[in-house]
Every structure is written in structure tokens, then in C-alpha cells.
């Protein structure tokens, strides 16, 4: 019983400490890395990178 309460308190503390900004960064950082790698491709790379960066910026703007 005591362990369950301790686990519940720990989960609640973690949930409140994770802000929306942190959660969106978990999604957008890999997107930005992929965009940087894709930009190496001749001709289509810059267009794809621009689209990925726009999508990442949109995710960053989500109010969490």
C-alpha cells in the first residue's frame, strides 16, 4: 500500500514537472535533425528541409 502511494506521488511529480515546451522538443528535435540530413540531397533537399522546418515550427507553437 505504501509503495503504491509513493509511486503515485512520483508519477504526479514527474507529470507536473514536464512542461509543454519540453514535450514539444521531444518531437521537434528529431524532425530538425532529419531535415538537416535531408538538406544534403541535391535539388530536392532544400525544399524538403524547408517543409520539415515549417512543420517543426508549427509543433513548437502548439500551446501545451
N, C-alpha and C. Protein backbone atom coordinates (compact mmCIF):
# COMPACT_ATOMS: atom_id res chain seq x y z
N UNK A 1 0.82 -1.19 0.00
CA UNK A 1 0.00 0.00 0.00
C UNK A 1 0.87 1.26 0.00
N UNK A 2 1.89 1.25 0.84
CA UNK A 2 2.78 2.41 0.95
C UNK A 2 3.56 2.63 -0.33
N UNK A 3 3.96 1.54 -0.99
CA UNK A 3 4.69 1.66 -2.26
C UNK A 3 3.81 2.25 -3.35
N UNK A 4 2.55 1.88 -3.36
CA UNK A 4 1.63 2.41 -4.36
C UNK A 4 1.45 3.92 -4.21
N UNK A 5 1.35 4.38 -2.99
CA UNK A 5 1.21 5.82 -2.75
C UNK A 5 2.47 6.54 -3.17
N UNK A 6 3.62 5.97 -2.86
CA UNK A 6 4.89 6.58 -3.25
C UNK A 6 5.02 6.64 -4.77
N UNK A 7 4.62 5.60 -5.45
CA UNK A 7 4.66 5.59 -6.92
C UNK A 7 3.71 6.63 -7.50
N UNK A 8 2.53 6.75 -6.91
CA UNK A 8 1.57 7.73 -7.38
C UNK A 8 2.10 9.15 -7.21
N UNK A 9 2.73 9.41 -6.09
CA UNK A 9 3.32 10.74 -5.85
C UNK A 9 4.46 11.00 -6.84
N UNK A 10 5.28 9.98 -7.10
CA UNK A 10 6.39 10.14 -8.04
C UNK A 10 5.88 10.41 -9.46
N UNK A 11 4.86 9.71 -9.88
CA UNK A 11 4.29 9.93 -11.21
C UNK A 11 3.66 11.32 -11.30
N UNK A 12 2.98 11.73 -10.26
CA UNK A 12 2.36 13.06 -10.25
C UNK A 12 3.43 14.14 -10.31
N UNK A 13 4.53 13.96 -9.60
CA UNK A 13 5.62 14.94 -9.62
C UNK A 13 6.26 15.02 -11.00
N UNK A 14 6.46 13.88 -11.64
CA UNK A 14 7.02 13.88 -12.99
C UNK A 14 6.08 14.53 -13.99
N UNK A 15 4.82 14.26 -13.86
CA UNK A 15 3.85 14.81 -14.80
C UNK A 15 3.77 16.33 -14.69
N UNK A 16 3.87 16.85 -13.49
CA UNK A 16 3.80 18.30 -13.33
C UNK A 16 5.10 18.99 -13.70
N UNK A 17 6.21 18.27 -13.62
CA UNK A 17 7.50 18.89 -13.93
C UNK A 17 7.76 18.96 -15.44
N UNK A 18 7.10 18.13 -16.21
CA UNK A 18 7.28 18.15 -17.65
C UNK A 18 6.39 19.23 -18.24
N UNK A 19 6.99 20.27 -18.72
CA UNK A 19 6.20 21.35 -19.32
C UNK A 19 5.91 21.04 -20.78
N UNK A 20 5.01 21.79 -21.36
CA UNK A 20 4.67 21.61 -22.76
C UNK A 20 5.84 21.86 -23.68
N UNK A 21 6.68 22.82 -23.30
CA UNK A 21 7.85 23.13 -24.12
C UNK A 21 8.77 21.92 -24.22
N UNK A 22 8.97 21.24 -23.12
CA UNK A 22 9.82 20.05 -23.12
C UNK A 22 9.22 18.95 -23.99
N UNK A 23 7.91 18.77 -23.89
CA UNK A 23 7.25 17.72 -24.67
C UNK A 23 7.32 18.00 -26.16
N UNK A 24 7.18 19.25 -26.57
CA UNK A 24 7.26 19.53 -28.00
C UNK A 24 8.69 19.39 -28.50
N UNK A 25 9.67 19.66 -27.65
CA UNK A 25 11.07 19.49 -28.07
C UNK A 25 11.39 18.03 -28.32
N UNK A 26 10.76 17.13 -27.58
CA UNK A 26 10.97 15.69 -27.80
C UNK A 26 10.56 15.33 -29.23
N UNK A 27 9.54 15.99 -29.75
CA UNK A 27 9.05 15.72 -31.11
C UNK A 27 9.86 16.47 -32.16
N UNK A 28 10.15 17.76 -31.89
CA UNK A 28 10.73 18.60 -32.95
C UNK A 28 12.22 18.42 -33.15
N UNK A 29 12.95 18.04 -32.12
CA UNK A 29 14.41 17.87 -32.31
C UNK A 29 14.72 16.78 -33.33
N UNK A 30 14.10 15.60 -33.24
CA UNK A 30 14.36 14.61 -34.31
C UNK A 30 13.93 15.08 -35.68
N UNK A 31 12.83 15.85 -35.74
CA UNK A 31 12.38 16.37 -37.03
C UNK A 31 13.43 17.31 -37.62
N UNK A 32 14.00 18.16 -36.80
CA UNK A 32 15.01 19.12 -37.28
C UNK A 32 16.30 18.40 -37.70
N UNK A 33 16.65 17.33 -36.99
CA UNK A 33 17.85 16.56 -37.37
C UNK A 33 17.63 15.89 -38.72
N UNK A 34 16.47 15.30 -38.92
CA UNK A 34 16.16 14.67 -40.21
C UNK A 34 16.17 15.72 -41.32
N UNK A 35 15.62 16.89 -41.03
CA UNK A 35 15.63 17.97 -42.02
C UNK A 35 17.04 18.38 -42.40
N UNK A 36 17.92 18.43 -41.42
CA UNK A 36 19.31 18.79 -41.72
C UNK A 36 20.00 17.72 -42.56
N UNK A 37 19.71 16.46 -42.28
CA UNK A 37 20.30 15.37 -43.06
C UNK A 37 19.74 15.36 -44.48
N UNK A 38 18.44 15.59 -44.61
CA UNK A 38 17.79 15.57 -45.92
C UNK A 38 18.28 16.73 -46.78
N UNK A 39 18.68 17.83 -46.16
CA UNK A 39 19.10 19.00 -46.94
C UNK A 39 20.38 18.75 -47.74
N UNK A 40 21.05 17.65 -47.46
CA UNK A 40 22.26 17.29 -48.20
C UNK A 40 21.92 16.82 -49.62
N UNK A 41 20.72 16.27 -49.81
CA UNK A 41 20.30 15.74 -51.10
C UNK A 41 20.20 16.87 -52.12
N UNK A 42 20.86 16.72 -53.27
CA UNK A 42 20.79 17.78 -54.28
C UNK A 42 19.37 17.99 -54.79
N UNK A 43 19.06 19.18 -55.17
CA UNK A 43 17.81 19.66 -55.77
C UNK A 43 16.63 19.61 -54.78
N UNK A 44 16.21 18.44 -54.35
CA UNK A 44 15.02 18.33 -53.51
C UNK A 44 15.31 18.50 -52.03
N UNK A 45 16.55 18.47 -51.63
CA UNK A 45 16.90 18.52 -50.21
C UNK A 45 16.49 19.79 -49.51
N UNK A 46 16.74 20.93 -50.15
CA UNK A 46 16.38 22.21 -49.51
C UNK A 46 14.87 22.38 -49.39
N UNK A 47 14.14 21.92 -50.37
CA UNK A 47 12.68 22.00 -50.32
C UNK A 47 12.13 21.13 -49.20
N UNK A 48 12.65 19.91 -49.10
CA UNK A 48 12.21 19.00 -48.04
C UNK A 48 12.59 19.55 -46.67
N UNK A 49 13.79 20.10 -46.54
CA UNK A 49 14.23 20.67 -45.28
C UNK A 49 13.33 21.83 -44.88
N UNK A 50 12.96 22.66 -45.83
CA UNK A 50 12.08 23.79 -45.54
C UNK A 50 10.72 23.31 -45.04
N UNK A 51 10.18 22.28 -45.67
CA UNK A 51 8.88 21.74 -45.25
C UNK A 51 8.97 21.14 -43.85
N UNK A 52 10.04 20.43 -43.57
CA UNK A 52 10.21 19.82 -42.25
C UNK A 52 10.37 20.91 -41.18
N UNK A 53 11.13 21.95 -41.49
CA UNK A 53 11.32 23.04 -40.52
C UNK A 53 9.99 23.76 -40.25
N UNK A 54 9.18 23.95 -41.28
CA UNK A 54 7.87 24.58 -41.10
C UNK A 54 6.98 23.72 -40.21
N UNK A 55 7.01 22.41 -40.43
CA UNK A 55 6.21 21.51 -39.59
C UNK A 55 6.71 21.53 -38.14
N UNK A 56 8.02 21.55 -37.95
CA UNK A 56 8.59 21.59 -36.60
C UNK A 56 8.22 22.91 -35.90
N UNK A 57 8.24 24.01 -36.63
CA UNK A 57 7.83 25.28 -36.04
C UNK A 57 6.37 25.28 -35.65
N UNK A 58 5.54 24.63 -36.45
CA UNK A 58 4.12 24.52 -36.13
C UNK A 58 3.91 23.71 -34.86
N UNK A 59 4.64 22.63 -34.71
CA UNK A 59 4.55 21.82 -33.49
C UNK A 59 5.03 22.62 -32.29
N UNK A 60 6.08 23.42 -32.46
CA UNK A 60 6.57 24.26 -31.36
C UNK A 60 5.54 25.28 -30.91
N UNK A 61 4.68 25.72 -31.80
CA UNK A 61 3.69 26.74 -31.49
C UNK A 61 2.44 26.18 -30.82
N UNK A 62 2.33 24.87 -30.69
CA UNK A 62 1.16 24.25 -30.05
C UNK A 62 1.17 24.66 -28.57
N UNK A 63 0.07 25.24 -28.08
CA UNK A 63 0.04 25.66 -26.67
C UNK A 63 -0.24 24.48 -25.74
N UNK A 64 0.79 23.99 -25.09
CA UNK A 64 0.62 22.91 -24.11
C UNK A 64 0.89 23.42 -22.73
